[in-house]
Amino acid sequence: MSRAFIHNKFLRAFVILLIVFGWIFSGWPKIQIMEAVTTETFTTSTTWTAPTGVTSVTAEVWGGGGGGGGGGENATTDGGGGGCLYFALKYAILWEC
């Protein structure tokens, strides 16, 4: 084999290796692991324990607005209702009890 052939073969292998390592370490293609999402709805106050393997919990709370006031016989306008409430928190579960 000639030196040029060996040199070209080495150079080709090096370029392929460089491309593969660049591909792996750049994160391309983006591989996304889908998370299992479970929703539980509570309509009363309760306690809840995170199942094994859960690493975070998002709690979302909605509150209904208040009803408007009815006008009396001498009232010139009715009272407006109260606004609703939305609140969200994301908790990280750092350890299991």
C-alpha atoms as a PDB file:
ATOM      1  CA  MET A   1       0.000   0.000   0.000  1.00  0.00           C
ATOM      2  CA  SER A   2       1.228   3.457  -0.754  1.00  0.00           C
ATOM      3  CA  ARG A   3       1.690   6.134   1.872  1.00  0.00           C
ATOM      4  CA  ALA A   4      -0.921   8.317   0.169  1.00  0.00           C
ATOM      5  CA  PHE A   5      -3.526   5.543   0.368  1.00  0.00           C
ATOM      6  CA  ILE A   6      -2.844   5.001   4.101  1.00  0.00           C
ATOM      7  CA  HIS A   7      -2.868   8.756   4.697  1.00  0.00           C
ATOM      8  CA  ASN A   8      -6.230   9.159   2.907  1.00  0.00           C
ATOM      9  CA  LYS A   9      -7.706   6.214   4.799  1.00  0.00           C
ATOM     10  CA  PHE A  10      -6.538   7.650   8.118  1.00  0.00           C
ATOM     11  CA  LEU A  11      -7.839  11.106   7.210  1.00  0.00           C
ATOM     12  CA  ARG A  12     -11.236   9.691   6.166  1.00  0.00           C
ATOM     13  CA  ALA A  13     -11.541   7.720   9.437  1.00  0.00           C
ATOM     14  CA  PHE A  14     -10.555  10.807  11.437  1.00  0.00           C
ATOM     15  CA  VAL A  15     -13.173  12.978   9.704  1.00  0.00           C
ATOM     16  CA  ILE A  16     -15.896  10.380  10.264  1.00  0.00           C
ATOM     17  CA  LEU A  17     -14.900  10.066  13.932  1.00  0.00           C
ATOM     18  CA  LEU A  18     -14.921  13.850  14.291  1.00  0.00           C
ATOM     19  CA  ILE A  19     -18.406  14.066  12.772  1.00  0.00           C
ATOM     20  CA  VAL A  20     -19.761  11.286  14.987  1.00  0.00           C
ATOM     21  CA  PHE A  21     -18.328  12.798  18.179  1.00  0.00           C
ATOM     22  CA  GLY A  22     -19.588  16.241  17.170  1.00  0.00           C
ATOM     23  CA  TRP A  23     -23.013  14.755  16.577  1.00  0.00           C
ATOM     24  CA  ILE A  24     -23.073  12.976  19.941  1.00  0.00           C
ATOM     25  CA  PHE A  25     -21.755  15.858  22.047  1.00  0.00           C
ATOM     26  CA  SER A  26     -23.775  18.581  20.334  1.00  0.00           C
ATOM     27  CA  GLY A  27     -26.983  16.836  21.321  1.00  0.00           C
ATOM     28  CA  TRP A  28     -28.163  16.452  17.753  1.00  0.00           C
ATOM     29  CA  PRO A  29     -30.629  15.034  17.062  1.00  0.00           C
ATOM     30  CA  LYS A  30     -32.551  16.256  20.045  1.00  0.00           C
ATOM     31  CA  ILE A  31     -33.890  13.221  21.845  1.00  0.00           C
ATOM     32  CA  GLN A  32     -36.731  14.041  24.168  1.00  0.00           C
ATOM     33  CA  ILE A  33     -37.997  11.551  26.675  1.00  0.00           C
ATOM     34  CA  MET A  34     -41.691  11.962  27.246  1.00  0.00           C
ATOM     35  CA  GLU A  35     -42.699  12.322  30.849  1.00  0.00           C
ATOM     36  CA  ALA A  36     -45.674  10.460  32.197  1.00  0.00           C
ATOM     37  CA  VAL A  37     -48.315  12.991  33.152  1.00  0.00           C
ATOM     38  CA  THR A  38     -51.128  12.107  35.506  1.00  0.00           C
ATOM     39  CA  THR A  39     -53.855  14.509  36.545  1.00  0.00           C
ATOM     40  CA  GLU A  40     -55.839  14.216  39.759  1.00  0.00           C
ATOM     41  CA  THR A  41     -58.703  16.561  40.560  1.00  0.00           C
ATOM     42  CA  PHE A  42     -59.704  17.345  44.136  1.00  0.00           C
ATOM     43  CA  THR A  43     -62.889  19.216  44.996  1.00  0.00           C
ATOM     44  CA  THR A  44     -62.399  19.173  48.779  1.00  0.00           C
ATOM     45  CA  SER A  45     -59.456  19.660  51.105  1.00  0.00           C
ATOM     46  CA  THR A  46     -57.319  16.514  51.344  1.00  0.00           C
ATOM     47  CA  THR A  47     -53.755  15.238  51.744  1.00  0.00           C
ATOM     48  CA  TRP A  48     -51.786  13.690  48.915  1.00  0.00           C
ATOM     49  CA  THR A  49     -48.631  11.573  48.895  1.00  0.00           C
ATOM     50  CA  ALA A  50     -46.394  11.494  45.848  1.00  0.00           C
ATOM     51  CA  PRO A  51     -45.917   8.008  44.383  1.00  0.00           C
ATOM     52  CA  THR A  52     -42.425   6.518  44.172  1.00  0.00           C
ATOM     53  CA  GLY A  53     -40.394   7.923  41.310  1.00  0.00           C
ATOM     54  CA  VAL A  54     -42.199  11.280  41.117  1.00  0.00           C
ATOM     55  CA  THR A  55     -39.655  14.112  40.936  1.00  0.00           C
ATOM     56  CA  SER A  56     -41.910  17.164  40.659  1.00  0.00           C
ATOM     57  CA  VAL A  57     -45.517  18.161  41.182  1.00  0.00           C
ATOM     58  CA  THR A  58     -47.406  21.093  39.721  1.00  0.00           C
ATOM     59  CA  ALA A  59     -50.424  22.285  41.697  1.00  0.00           C
ATOM     60  CA  GLU A  60     -52.965  24.515  39.986  1.00  0.00           C
ATOM     61  CA  VAL A  61     -55.858  26.036  41.913  1.00  0.00           C
ATOM     62  CA  TRP A  62     -58.882  27.858  40.528  1.00  0.00           C
ATOM     63  CA  GLY A  63     -61.431  29.744  42.601  1.00  0.00           C
ATOM     64  CA  GLY A  64     -64.780  30.946  41.347  1.00  0.00           C
ATOM     65  CA  GLY A  65     -65.674  34.614  41.431  1.00  0.00           C
ATOM     66  CA  GLY A  66     -68.287  35.944  43.799  1.00  0.00           C
ATOM     67  CA  GLY A  67     -71.828  36.600  42.643  1.00  0.00           C
ATOM     68  CA  GLY A  68     -72.983  40.134  42.023  1.00  0.00           C
ATOM     69  CA  GLY A  69     -75.207  41.913  44.506  1.00  0.00           C
ATOM     70  CA  GLY A  70     -78.878  42.244  43.648  1.00  0.00           C
ATOM     71  CA  GLY A  71     -80.370  45.696  43.559  1.00  0.00           C
ATOM     72  CA  GLY A  72     -82.915  46.580  46.183  1.00  0.00           C
ATOM     73  CA  GLU A  73     -86.057  48.648  45.635  1.00  0.00           C
ATOM     74  CA  ASN A  74     -84.187  51.929  45.958  1.00  0.00           C
ATOM     75  CA  ALA A  75     -80.878  50.797  44.384  1.00  0.00           C
ATOM     76  CA  THR A  76     -79.804  52.541  41.206  1.00  0.00           C
ATOM     77  CA  THR A  77     -77.256  49.856  40.189  1.00  0.00           C
ATOM     78  CA  ASP A  78     -76.475  46.252  40.996  1.00  0.00           C
ATOM     79  CA  GLY A  79     -73.136  45.374  42.634  1.00  0.00           C
ATOM     80  CA  GLY A  80     -70.561  43.645  40.460  1.00  0.00           C
ATOM     81  CA  GLY A  81     -69.300  40.146  41.201  1.00  0.00           C
ATOM     82  CA  GLY A  82     -65.853  39.306  42.558  1.00  0.00           C
ATOM     83  CA  GLY A  83     -63.072  38.209  40.262  1.00  0.00           C
ATOM     84  CA  CYS A  84     -61.918  34.607  40.043  1.00  0.00           C
ATOM     85  CA  LEU A  85     -58.517  33.317  41.193  1.00  0.00           C
ATOM     86  CA  TYR A  86     -55.886  31.168  39.493  1.00  0.00           C
ATOM     87  CA  PHE A  87     -52.736  30.041  41.278  1.00  0.00           C
ATOM     88  CA  ALA A  88     -49.998  27.617  40.177  1.00  0.00           C
ATOM     89  CA  LEU A  89     -46.952  26.219  41.974  1.00  0.00           C
ATOM     90  CA  LYS A  90     -44.359  23.685  40.872  1.00  0.00           C
ATOM     91  CA  TYR A  91     -42.747  21.675  43.650  1.00  0.00           C
ATOM     92  CA  ALA A  92     -39.538  19.698  43.280  1.00  0.00           C
ATOM     93  CA  ILE A  93     -39.535  16.474  45.292  1.00  0.00           C
ATOM     94  CA  LEU A  94     -36.011  16.154  46.644  1.00  0.00           C
ATOM     95  CA  TRP A  95     -36.314  12.993  48.741  1.00  0.00           C
ATOM     96  CA  GLU A  96     -38.745  10.281  49.676  1.00  0.00           C
ATOM     97  CA  CYS A  97     -39.930   9.779  53.234  1.00  0.00           C
END
